[in-house]
Amino acid sequence: MNIAVASHIALDTIQDIQGTITESLGGPACYCSTTARKFNLKVKLATKVGKDFSQDYRLMLRNKGIDIDDILFTDDPTTRFRIILKKDSRELFLVSKCSPITIEDIQRIETNCWIVSPIMDEVPFTVLHEIVKDKDNLEFVMLDPQGYIRTLDPDGRVSFLNDLKLDVSGISAIKVDPEELSALTGGRKGIEGMQFLQIRKGIKFVISTEYRIIHLLYNKMYYSIKLPDVVTPHSTGVGDILTSAFCCAYLKEKDPLWAICFGAGAVQAALEANLVGLEKVPPKSKIEQNASYYYNTISFQEI
């Protein structure tokens, strides 16, 4: 069983609240893949990196069970972000952007599950639609639309679109934050917005996140998990960890309730690790321990 991820690898320069600067591998391609390897799933990447992507980084990923094939290297520089952490938020600047992912990139891959998670529109809509329509051996498509609602200010600062017309036909699951939910649903919020995506757009599993709360809408049942208030500046990547943990658990168990508990358990463990970059991706044993707790305490109601 394997998972494929369509997203750019990113090189992140992170400045924390104290002004300390750290260079780190990032992007969903890294966080989702590393999480999937913790579940012992094989990983295939549809991504692009530049020739500035060091052999040290390539070896680091290989040691985690993630291979960057020579065909993924391009003449364009690797996607780079500068991230400035604030007390309750962060500022994001795009420094460089690599070549877009193509239909040929995804046609080479056979997989049980796709995670499509662009960070800056590098997965064109045509590629997303090609992924969705390929039903051979494909059980599940998860979408994180973060890179579709991002736009650039003149100074390179990343801001967000208020409205996004995106065809999500055939998507199995989606993970959205409040801004993404509003942009995709014409300004709807909360359960109303989640119902819009499920009923009007046909998405089976709708996951919505806000500060320390994870929501799931499945059929006519609404579930919510409240996470402990872990104080850490190192939250970059936890949304990707959630997405991947949910997909991995669902592929193995076919139980969305169990899967969302695994997702929440992975987020809690990652936050509690208080580590920078991929080092925050927790071991499966810790994820499983947290998931068992949430499975017995999750809130739910029929709507």
Protein backbone atom coordinates (compact mmCIF):
# COMPACT_ATOMS: atom_id res chain seq x y z
CA MET A 1 0.00 0.00 0.00
CA ASN A 2 1.32 3.45 -0.84
CA ILE A 3 0.49 7.14 -0.81
CA ALA A 4 1.41 9.72 -3.42
CA VAL A 5 1.84 13.42 -2.70
CA ALA A 6 1.48 16.19 -5.29
CA SER A 7 3.18 19.28 -3.89
CA HIS A 8 6.45 21.16 -3.98
CA ILE A 9 9.23 20.48 -1.56
CA ALA A 10 10.06 23.77 0.13
CA LEU A 11 13.20 25.17 1.71
CA ASP A 12 12.04 27.21 4.68
CA THR A 13 13.94 29.97 6.43
CA ILE A 14 12.18 30.29 9.78
CA GLN A 15 12.64 33.24 12.13
CA ASP A 16 11.19 32.56 15.57
CA ILE A 17 9.85 35.03 18.12
CA GLN A 18 13.32 35.52 19.61
CA GLY A 19 14.78 36.29 16.17
CA THR A 20 16.64 33.00 15.81
CA ILE A 21 16.81 31.87 12.18
CA THR A 22 16.67 28.20 11.17
CA GLU A 23 16.91 26.61 7.73
CA SER A 24 14.60 23.65 7.29
CA LEU A 25 13.13 21.28 4.74
CA GLY A 26 9.40 21.85 4.49
CA GLY A 27 6.29 21.71 2.39
CA PRO A 28 3.59 19.01 2.30
CA ALA A 29 5.78 16.84 0.08
CA CYS A 30 8.13 16.44 3.06
CA TYR A 31 5.73 16.54 6.01
CA CYS A 32 3.08 14.27 4.47
CA SER A 33 5.67 11.81 3.20
CA THR A 34 7.55 11.62 6.49
CA THR A 35 4.29 11.02 8.35
CA ALA A 36 3.25 8.29 5.91
CA ARG A 37 6.57 6.53 6.44
CA LYS A 38 5.82 6.43 10.18
CA PHE A 39 2.78 4.33 9.22
CA ASN A 40 5.06 2.10 7.09
CA LEU A 41 3.38 3.14 3.86
CA LYS A 42 5.45 3.57 0.74
CA VAL A 43 5.58 7.11 -0.63
CA LYS A 44 5.72 8.43 -4.18
CA LEU A 45 6.23 12.11 -4.94
CA ALA A 46 4.99 14.31 -7.76
CA THR A 47 7.16 17.30 -7.01
CA LYS A 48 9.94 19.48 -8.41
CA VAL A 49 13.20 20.74 -6.95
CA GLY A 50 15.99 22.86 -8.40
CA LYS A 51 19.66 22.11 -8.80
CA ASP A 52 20.15 24.21 -5.65
CA PHE A 53 18.59 21.34 -3.69
CA SER A 54 21.57 19.94 -1.83
CA GLN A 55 22.73 16.34 -1.75
CA ASP A 56 22.61 16.59 2.05
CA TYR A 57 18.87 17.25 1.92
CA ARG A 58 18.42 14.49 -0.62
CA LEU A 59 20.27 12.07 1.64
CA MET A 60 18.28 13.24 4.67
CA LEU A 61 15.03 12.36 2.91
CA ARG A 62 16.42 9.08 1.63
CA ASN A 63 17.29 8.12 5.20
CA LYS A 64 13.62 8.70 6.04
CA GLY A 65 12.56 6.39 3.22
CA ILE A 66 11.74 9.14 0.69
CA ASP A 67 13.51 9.15 -2.67
CA ILE A 68 13.92 12.24 -4.85
CA ASP A 69 14.31 10.85 -8.37
CA ASP A 70 16.68 12.58 -10.79
CA ILE A 71 13.74 13.31 -13.08
CA LEU A 72 12.27 15.65 -10.44
CA PHE A 73 15.17 18.12 -10.74
CA THR A 74 14.69 21.20 -12.94
CA ASP A 75 16.63 24.32 -13.89
CA ASP A 76 14.32 26.53 -11.84
CA PRO A 77 15.30 27.13 -8.20
CA THR A 78 13.63 25.11 -5.45
CA THR A 79 10.57 26.74 -3.90
CA ARG A 80 11.70 28.79 -0.89
CA PHE A 81 9.74 30.57 1.81
CA ARG A 82 10.76 32.98 4.53
CA ILE A 83 8.59 32.46 7.60
CA ILE A 84 8.46 35.00 10.42
CA LEU A 85 6.78 33.60 13.52
CA LYS A 86 4.68 35.87 15.74
CA LYS A 87 2.98 35.11 19.03
CA ASP A 88 -0.33 34.02 17.50
CA SER A 89 0.37 34.14 13.78
CA ARG A 90 3.07 34.09 11.15
CA GLU A 91 4.13 36.06 8.09
CA LEU A 92 5.00 34.13 4.95
CA PHE A 93 7.15 35.42 2.07
CA LEU A 94 7.81 33.60 -1.20
CA VAL A 95 11.49 33.81 -2.14
CA SER A 96 11.50 31.50 -5.19
CA LYS A 97 9.14 29.10 -6.94
CA CYS A 98 10.05 25.92 -8.80
CA SER A 99 8.52 24.56 -12.00
CA PRO A 100 4.87 23.46 -11.89
CA ILE A 101 3.91 19.79 -11.61
CA THR A 102 2.72 18.35 -14.92
CA ILE A 103 0.28 15.68 -16.05
CA GLU A 104 3.28 13.58 -17.13
CA ASP A 105 4.60 13.73 -13.54
CA ILE A 106 1.44 12.20 -12.09
CA GLN A 107 0.84 9.70 -14.90
CA ARG A 108 4.02 7.87 -13.93
CA ILE A 109 2.59 7.09 -10.49
CA GLU A 110 0.28 4.28 -9.39
CA THR A 111 -1.02 4.68 -5.86
CA ASN A 112 -3.82 3.86 -3.43
CA CYS A 113 -4.20 7.47 -2.33
CA TRP A 114 -3.29 10.93 -3.57
CA ILE A 115 -2.70 13.87 -1.26
CA VAL A 116 -2.91 17.03 -3.37
CA SER A 117 -1.56 19.94 -1.37
CA PRO A 118 -0.11 22.80 -3.40
CA ILE A 119 1.82 25.44 -1.48
CA MET A 120 1.79 28.09 -4.21
CA ASP A 121 -0.40 27.01 -7.15
CA GLU A 122 2.19 24.51 -8.44
CA VAL A 123 -0.51 21.87 -9.06
CA PRO A 124 -2.52 23.26 -12.01
CA PHE A 125 -6.25 22.53 -12.05
CA THR A 126 -5.72 20.31 -15.10
CA VAL A 127 -3.35 18.12 -13.07
CA LEU A 128 -5.80 17.95 -10.15
CA HIS A 129 -8.55 16.83 -12.53
CA GLU A 130 -6.25 14.22 -14.10
CA ILE A 131 -5.54 12.78 -10.64
CA VAL A 132 -9.23 12.60 -9.79
CA LYS A 133 -10.31 10.92 -13.02
CA ASP A 134 -7.68 8.17 -12.84
CA LYS A 135 -9.60 5.46 -10.98
CA ASP A 136 -7.12 2.60 -11.54
CA ASN A 137 -6.00 1.35 -8.11
CA LEU A 138 -7.01 4.72 -6.62
CA GLU A 139 -9.08 4.54 -3.45
CA PHE A 140 -8.87 8.05 -2.11
CA VAL A 141 -8.04 11.66 -3.02
CA MET A 142 -7.37 14.17 -0.25
CA LEU A 143 -7.17 17.89 -1.09
CA ASP A 144 -5.62 20.66 0.96
CA PRO A 145 -6.38 23.80 -1.08
CA GLN A 146 -3.97 26.11 0.75
CA GLY A 147 -1.85 26.85 -2.32
CA TYR A 148 -4.86 27.71 -4.46
CA ILE A 149 -6.04 30.58 -2.26
CA ARG A 150 -2.58 32.07 -1.75
CA THR A 151 -1.61 35.14 -3.72
CA LEU A 152 1.43 37.42 -3.66
CA ASP A 153 1.69 41.06 -2.62
CA PRO A 154 4.26 43.22 -4.46
CA ASP A 155 6.80 42.68 -1.66
CA GLY A 156 6.52 38.88 -1.95
CA ARG A 157 4.33 38.56 1.13
CA VAL A 158 1.77 35.77 0.86
CA SER A 159 -1.84 36.86 1.31
CA PHE A 160 -5.12 35.07 0.67
CA LEU A 161 -7.96 35.22 -1.84
CA ASN A 162 -11.42 35.82 -0.44
CA ASP A 163 -13.13 33.80 -3.14
CA LEU A 164 -12.00 30.73 -5.06
CA LYS A 165 -13.89 28.93 -7.80
CA LEU A 166 -12.48 25.42 -7.69
CA ASP A 167 -13.97 22.27 -9.20
CA VAL A 168 -13.71 19.65 -6.46
CA SER A 169 -15.71 16.94 -8.25
CA GLY A 170 -14.37 13.51 -7.35
CA ILE A 171 -12.45 14.64 -4.28
CA SER A 172 -12.88 12.14 -1.41
CA ALA A 173 -11.76 14.40 1.44
CA ILE A 174 -10.73 17.97 2.04
CA LYS A 175 -8.93 19.74 4.87
CA VAL A 176 -9.58 23.46 5.26
CA ASP A 177 -8.88 26.24 7.73
CA PRO A 178 -11.41 29.07 8.27
CA GLU A 179 -10.01 31.24 5.45
CA GLU A 180 -9.99 28.36 2.97
CA LEU A 181 -13.48 27.26 3.99
CA SER A 182 -14.85 30.76 3.46
CA ALA A 183 -13.11 31.18 0.09
CA LEU A 184 -14.45 27.87 -1.24
CA THR A 185 -18.04 28.33 -0.04
CA GLY A 186 -18.84 31.96 -0.82
CA GLY A 187 -18.19 33.21 2.71
CA ARG A 188 -19.84 30.40 4.67
CA LYS A 189 -18.34 29.45 8.01
CA GLY A 190 -18.37 26.60 10.49
CA ILE A 191 -20.76 23.70 10.07
CA GLU A 192 -22.70 25.59 7.40
CA GLY A 193 -19.59 25.82 5.24
CA MET A 194 -18.70 22.19 5.87
CA GLN A 195 -22.21 21.10 4.86
CA PHE A 196 -21.92 23.17 1.69
CA LEU A 197 -18.77 21.25 0.70
CA GLN A 198 -20.36 17.92 1.53
CA ILE A 199 -23.88 18.37 0.14
CA ARG A 200 -23.35 20.84 -2.70
CA LYS A 201 -19.85 19.75 -3.73
CA GLY A 202 -20.08 16.04 -2.98
CA ILE A 203 -17.02 15.70 -0.74
CA LYS A 204 -17.41 12.67 1.52
CA PHE A 205 -15.13 13.75 4.39
CA VAL A 206 -14.82 17.43 5.30
CA ILE A 207 -12.14 18.27 7.86
CA SER A 208 -12.03 21.81 9.20
CA THR A 209 -9.40 23.12 11.59
CA GLU A 210 -9.21 26.14 13.82
CA TYR A 211 -7.07 26.99 16.84
CA ARG A 212 -6.72 23.70 18.76
CA ILE A 213 -10.02 22.28 17.42
CA ILE A 214 -10.41 19.70 14.64
CA HIS A 215 -13.82 19.15 13.06
CA LEU A 216 -15.02 16.30 10.84
CA LEU A 217 -18.27 16.09 8.89
CA TYR A 218 -19.12 12.63 7.58
CA ASN A 219 -22.59 11.67 6.33
CA LYS A 220 -24.89 13.51 8.74
CA MET A 221 -22.56 13.22 11.72
CA TYR A 222 -20.44 16.08 12.99
CA TYR A 223 -17.41 15.29 15.17
CA SER A 224 -15.05 17.60 17.02
CA ILE A 225 -11.82 17.10 18.92
CA LYS A 226 -10.35 19.74 21.22
CA LEU A 227 -6.59 19.59 21.55
CA PRO A 228 -4.66 20.64 24.64
CA ASP A 229 -3.29 24.18 24.55
CA VAL A 230 0.34 23.35 23.79
CA VAL A 231 2.54 26.44 23.74
CA THR A 232 5.09 26.15 20.93
CA PRO A 233 6.23 28.42 18.11
CA HIS A 234 6.98 25.41 15.93
CA SER A 235 3.59 24.65 14.39
CA THR A 236 4.70 24.83 10.74
CA GLY A 237 3.72 21.59 9.02
CA VAL A 238 1.20 20.26 11.55
CA GLY A 239 -1.66 20.64 9.07
CA ASP A 240 0.23 18.41 6.64
CA ILE A 241 0.90 15.90 9.42
CA LEU A 242 -2.85 15.85 10.19
CA THR A 243 -3.76 15.33 6.55
CA SER A 244 -1.32 12.47 6.07
CA ALA A 245 -2.16 10.73 9.35
CA PHE A 246 -5.87 10.83 8.48
CA CYS A 247 -5.24 9.34 5.04
CA CYS A 248 -2.91 6.62 6.33
CA ALA A 249 -5.29 5.55 9.09
CA TYR A 250 -8.28 5.59 6.76
CA LEU A 251 -6.50 3.49 4.13
CA LYS A 252 -5.63 0.89 6.75
CA GLU A 253 -8.84 0.86 8.81
CA LYS A 254 -11.55 2.31 6.50
CA ASP A 255 -12.97 4.04 9.59
CA PRO A 256 -13.19 7.86 9.32
CA LEU A 257 -13.75 8.29 13.05
CA TRP A 258 -10.62 6.35 13.87
CA ALA A 259 -8.78 8.23 11.11
CA ILE A 260 -9.64 11.70 12.46
CA CYS A 261 -8.52 10.56 15.93
CA PHE A 262 -5.19 9.53 14.42
CA GLY A 263 -4.98 12.91 12.73
CA ALA A 264 -5.63 14.74 15.98
CA GLY A 265 -3.23 12.46 17.85
CA ALA A 266 -0.51 13.23 15.32
CA VAL A 267 -1.06 16.99 15.65
CA GLN A 268 -0.88 16.86 19.44
CA ALA A 269 2.29 14.77 19.40
CA ALA A 270 3.91 17.06 16.82
CA LEU A 271 3.13 20.19 18.84
CA GLU A 272 4.34 18.63 22.06
CA ALA A 273 7.63 17.69 20.40
CA ASN A 274 8.39 21.44 20.12
CA LEU A 275 10.90 20.78 17.34
CA VAL A 276 11.71 22.59 14.10
CA GLY A 277 10.97 21.14 10.68
CA LEU A 278 10.60 17.44 9.97
CA GLU A 279 11.93 16.48 13.38
CA LYS A 280 8.50 17.29 14.81
CA VAL A 281 6.88 14.39 12.90
CA PRO A 282 6.08 12.00 15.76
CA PRO A 283 6.51 8.21 15.97
CA LYS A 284 3.46 6.09 15.30
CA SER A 285 3.41 4.81 18.89
CA LYS A 286 2.85 8.32 20.23
CA ILE A 287 0.21 9.05 17.58
CA GLU A 288 -1.59 5.83 18.43
CA GLN A 289 -1.56 6.56 22.16
CA ASN A 290 -3.17 9.96 21.61
CA ALA A 291 -5.63 8.56 19.05
CA SER A 292 -6.92 5.97 21.52
CA TYR A 293 -7.68 8.74 24.02
CA TYR A 294 -9.52 10.85 21.45
CA TYR A 295 -11.51 7.87 20.18
CA ASN A 296 -13.07 7.54 23.63
CA THR A 297 -13.62 11.26 24.23
CA ILE A 298 -14.57 12.73 20.82
CA SER A 299 -17.66 14.93 20.73
CA PHE A 300 -20.33 14.20 18.13
CA GLN A 301 -23.84 15.09 17.09
CA GLU A 302 -26.22 14.32 14.25
CA ILE A 303 -27.02 17.30 12.05
